[in-house]
Amino acid sequence: MARKVVGPRPAGPTSKAFTILEILAVLCILTILALLLVPNYKTWMAKAAQVACMANMRSIHIGLGTYLNDHKNIWPQGPAPFDGAPWAEFWIRTLEAEGVPRKTWECPSIRGMLGDPSRDEITESSIHYIPTMFDGLPGTARRWPTQPWLVERANAHGNGALICFTDGSVKPFNQVMAEQGLR
């Protein structure tokens, strides 16, 4: 039979609580990490907006590809952009049928610069990506791989306007120029 020892506990580190010194050390490390990360916040947010913009352009590209497949490979023949016709409304309505919602036509960076426009009315500034105009012949839109399908309305990300190509790749204008050896 084992004997039970009664009396004071043995001395030593048997407590499971944190000391004040350990808590302060962790707080100091977290503070230093936060100070290192805060200056990069704007850069991260700008990069996130650019990635969202590129995703929007790819979604529109998929919608355009679906439209081409559904319409015998003929590009949508909308009104000329500056003749007073409802150009933006044409593109939004045409690709809504292909699963591209109106919000996809808006770049987060440009929307941030302009403020949040009214969502009820479609104006020419409602879309931030300009589709290329092609003729009504079958296959024209896919004939040249370096022909852009969409161009961003402004240099909203600091490296030139984004361009979406036939294959769905999206690149900044400055990168395209460098690849062509023009810059």
Protein backbone atom coordinates (compact mmCIF):
# COMPACT_ATOMS: atom_id res chain seq x y z
CA MET A 1 0.00 0.00 0.00
CA ALA A 2 1.39 3.41 -1.04
CA ARG A 3 1.76 6.10 1.50
CA LYS A 4 0.31 9.50 0.90
CA VAL A 5 2.72 12.32 1.73
CA VAL A 6 1.07 15.23 3.41
CA GLY A 7 2.85 18.55 3.70
CA PRO A 8 4.17 21.47 1.69
CA ARG A 9 4.60 21.16 -2.05
CA PRO A 10 8.06 20.82 -3.47
CA ALA A 11 9.66 24.02 -4.79
CA GLY A 12 10.13 24.46 -8.55
CA PRO A 13 8.41 25.56 -11.74
CA THR A 14 5.25 23.52 -11.56
CA SER A 15 2.84 26.42 -12.27
CA LYS A 16 1.12 26.49 -15.70
CA ALA A 17 0.53 30.26 -15.79
CA PHE A 18 2.51 32.80 -17.85
CA THR A 19 4.70 35.31 -16.11
CA ILE A 20 4.42 39.03 -16.74
CA LEU A 21 7.84 38.97 -18.39
CA GLU A 22 6.73 36.32 -20.90
CA ILE A 23 3.57 38.26 -21.74
CA LEU A 24 5.55 41.50 -22.24
CA ALA A 25 8.04 39.70 -24.52
CA VAL A 26 5.23 38.40 -26.74
CA LEU A 27 3.61 41.85 -26.87
CA CYS A 28 6.94 43.43 -27.87
CA ILE A 29 7.43 40.92 -30.68
CA LEU A 30 3.88 41.48 -31.96
CA THR A 31 4.39 45.26 -31.84
CA ILE A 32 7.60 45.01 -33.87
CA LEU A 33 5.87 42.80 -36.46
CA ALA A 34 2.95 45.23 -36.72
CA LEU A 35 5.33 48.16 -37.22
CA LEU A 36 7.04 46.28 -40.05
CA LEU A 37 3.74 45.41 -41.76
CA VAL A 38 1.82 48.71 -41.52
CA PRO A 39 3.91 50.65 -44.07
CA ASN A 40 3.18 47.98 -46.70
CA TYR A 41 -0.60 48.15 -46.18
CA LYS A 42 -1.23 50.57 -49.06
CA THR A 43 0.94 48.52 -51.39
CA TRP A 44 -0.95 45.36 -50.49
CA MET A 45 -4.31 47.03 -50.98
CA ALA A 46 -3.23 48.41 -54.38
CA LYS A 47 -2.00 44.97 -55.45
CA ALA A 48 -5.27 43.39 -54.25
CA ALA A 49 -7.25 45.92 -56.32
CA GLN A 50 -5.11 45.14 -59.38
CA VAL A 51 -5.67 41.41 -58.92
CA ALA A 52 -9.43 42.01 -58.60
CA CYS A 53 -9.32 44.12 -61.77
CA MET A 54 -7.46 41.38 -63.63
CA ALA A 55 -10.04 38.84 -62.43
CA ASN A 56 -12.83 41.11 -63.73
CA MET A 57 -11.16 41.30 -67.13
CA ARG A 58 -10.76 37.52 -67.25
CA SER A 59 -14.44 37.08 -66.35
CA ILE A 60 -15.44 39.42 -69.17
CA HIS A 61 -13.08 37.50 -71.48
CA ILE A 62 -14.86 34.25 -70.56
CA GLY A 63 -18.23 35.94 -71.21
CA LEU A 64 -17.01 37.15 -74.61
CA GLY A 65 -15.73 33.66 -75.44
CA THR A 66 -19.09 32.20 -74.51
CA TYR A 67 -20.84 34.81 -76.64
CA LEU A 68 -18.60 33.93 -79.60
CA ASN A 69 -19.34 30.22 -79.18
CA ASP A 70 -23.07 30.91 -79.03
CA HIS A 71 -23.10 33.29 -82.05
CA LYS A 72 -21.11 31.43 -84.71
CA ASN A 73 -17.80 33.08 -83.70
CA ILE A 74 -19.06 36.59 -84.57
CA TRP A 75 -18.05 39.44 -82.24
CA PRO A 76 -20.90 41.51 -80.71
CA GLN A 77 -21.67 44.37 -83.09
CA GLY A 78 -22.55 47.23 -80.80
CA PRO A 79 -22.96 50.91 -81.55
CA ALA A 80 -19.90 53.06 -82.12
CA PRO A 81 -18.68 54.22 -78.69
CA PHE A 82 -18.96 57.95 -79.29
CA ASP A 83 -22.01 58.37 -81.52
CA GLY A 84 -24.39 59.03 -78.63
CA ALA A 85 -25.82 55.51 -78.60
CA PRO A 86 -26.02 53.63 -75.28
CA TRP A 87 -22.62 51.96 -75.74
CA ALA A 88 -22.02 50.95 -72.10
CA GLU A 89 -25.56 49.67 -71.75
CA PHE A 90 -25.11 47.54 -74.90
CA TRP A 91 -22.03 45.77 -73.52
CA ILE A 92 -23.46 45.28 -70.05
CA ARG A 93 -26.74 43.85 -71.39
CA THR A 94 -25.03 41.69 -74.02
CA LEU A 95 -22.72 39.97 -71.55
CA GLU A 96 -25.26 39.75 -68.71
CA ALA A 97 -26.88 37.05 -70.84
CA GLU A 98 -23.53 35.24 -70.74
CA GLY A 99 -23.27 35.43 -66.94
CA VAL A 100 -21.19 38.61 -66.56
CA PRO A 101 -22.83 40.89 -63.97
CA ARG A 102 -22.62 44.67 -64.19
CA LYS A 103 -20.23 44.96 -61.24
CA THR A 104 -17.64 42.97 -63.20
CA TRP A 105 -17.28 45.92 -65.60
CA GLU A 106 -15.99 48.15 -62.77
CA CYS A 107 -12.34 48.32 -61.73
CA PRO A 108 -12.09 48.65 -57.92
CA SER A 109 -9.33 51.26 -58.23
CA ILE A 110 -11.20 53.46 -60.70
CA ARG A 111 -14.40 53.10 -58.67
CA GLY A 112 -12.42 54.24 -55.62
CA MET A 113 -11.06 57.28 -57.49
CA LEU A 114 -14.47 58.29 -58.85
CA GLY A 115 -16.44 57.51 -55.72
CA ASP A 116 -19.31 55.06 -55.70
CA PRO A 117 -21.53 56.02 -58.67
CA SER A 118 -25.24 55.42 -58.67
CA ARG A 119 -25.93 51.76 -59.35
CA ASP A 120 -29.33 52.49 -60.87
CA GLU A 121 -28.29 54.39 -63.97
CA ILE A 122 -25.91 53.08 -66.63
CA THR A 123 -23.71 55.80 -68.09
CA GLU A 124 -20.65 55.72 -70.32
CA SER A 125 -18.47 55.86 -67.19
CA SER A 126 -20.25 52.77 -65.78
CA ILE A 127 -17.78 50.44 -67.46
CA HIS A 128 -14.04 50.69 -66.94
CA TYR A 129 -12.99 48.18 -69.61
CA ILE A 130 -13.33 49.08 -73.28
CA PRO A 131 -13.96 46.16 -75.64
CA THR A 132 -12.19 46.16 -78.98
CA MET A 133 -14.34 46.73 -82.06
CA PHE A 134 -14.15 43.93 -84.62
CA ASP A 135 -16.00 43.46 -87.90
CA GLY A 136 -18.93 41.09 -88.19
CA LEU A 137 -17.01 38.31 -89.95
CA PRO A 138 -16.71 34.95 -88.18
CA GLY A 139 -13.39 34.32 -86.48
CA THR A 140 -12.02 37.87 -86.66
CA ALA A 141 -11.74 38.26 -82.88
CA ARG A 142 -9.59 35.14 -82.53
CA ARG A 143 -7.46 35.65 -85.63
CA TRP A 144 -4.56 37.56 -84.02
CA PRO A 145 -3.31 36.36 -80.61
CA THR A 146 -1.76 39.73 -79.75
CA GLN A 147 -4.94 41.68 -80.51
CA PRO A 148 -6.49 42.94 -77.27
CA TRP A 149 -10.09 42.15 -76.49
CA LEU A 150 -10.34 44.62 -73.60
CA VAL A 151 -8.38 47.67 -72.49
CA GLU A 152 -8.73 49.29 -69.09
CA ARG A 153 -10.05 52.84 -69.26
CA ALA A 154 -7.23 54.38 -67.20
CA ASN A 155 -3.81 53.71 -65.71
CA ALA A 156 -5.35 52.88 -62.36
CA HIS A 157 -2.61 50.58 -61.10
CA GLY A 158 0.52 52.58 -61.90
CA ASN A 159 2.06 50.34 -64.54
CA GLY A 160 -0.06 51.29 -67.52
CA ALA A 161 -3.62 50.35 -68.34
CA LEU A 162 -4.35 46.64 -68.17
CA ILE A 163 -4.90 44.83 -71.46
CA CYS A 164 -6.75 41.51 -71.89
CA PHE A 165 -5.65 39.47 -74.91
CA THR A 166 -7.30 36.79 -77.03
CA ASP A 167 -5.90 33.97 -74.88
CA GLY A 168 -7.26 35.52 -71.66
CA SER A 169 -3.92 36.80 -70.38
CA VAL A 170 -4.03 40.21 -68.72
CA LYS A 171 -0.91 42.39 -68.67
CA PRO A 172 -0.11 46.01 -67.88
CA PHE A 173 0.67 48.23 -70.87
CA ASN A 174 4.26 48.86 -69.72
CA GLN A 175 4.94 45.11 -69.58
CA VAL A 176 3.51 44.62 -73.08
CA MET A 177 5.72 47.42 -74.41
CA ALA A 178 8.80 45.92 -72.75
CA GLU A 179 8.03 42.49 -74.21
CA GLN A 180 7.75 44.07 -77.66
CA GLY A 181 11.13 45.77 -77.13
CA LEU A 182 9.54 49.21 -77.38
CA ARG A 183 10.52 50.41 -73.92
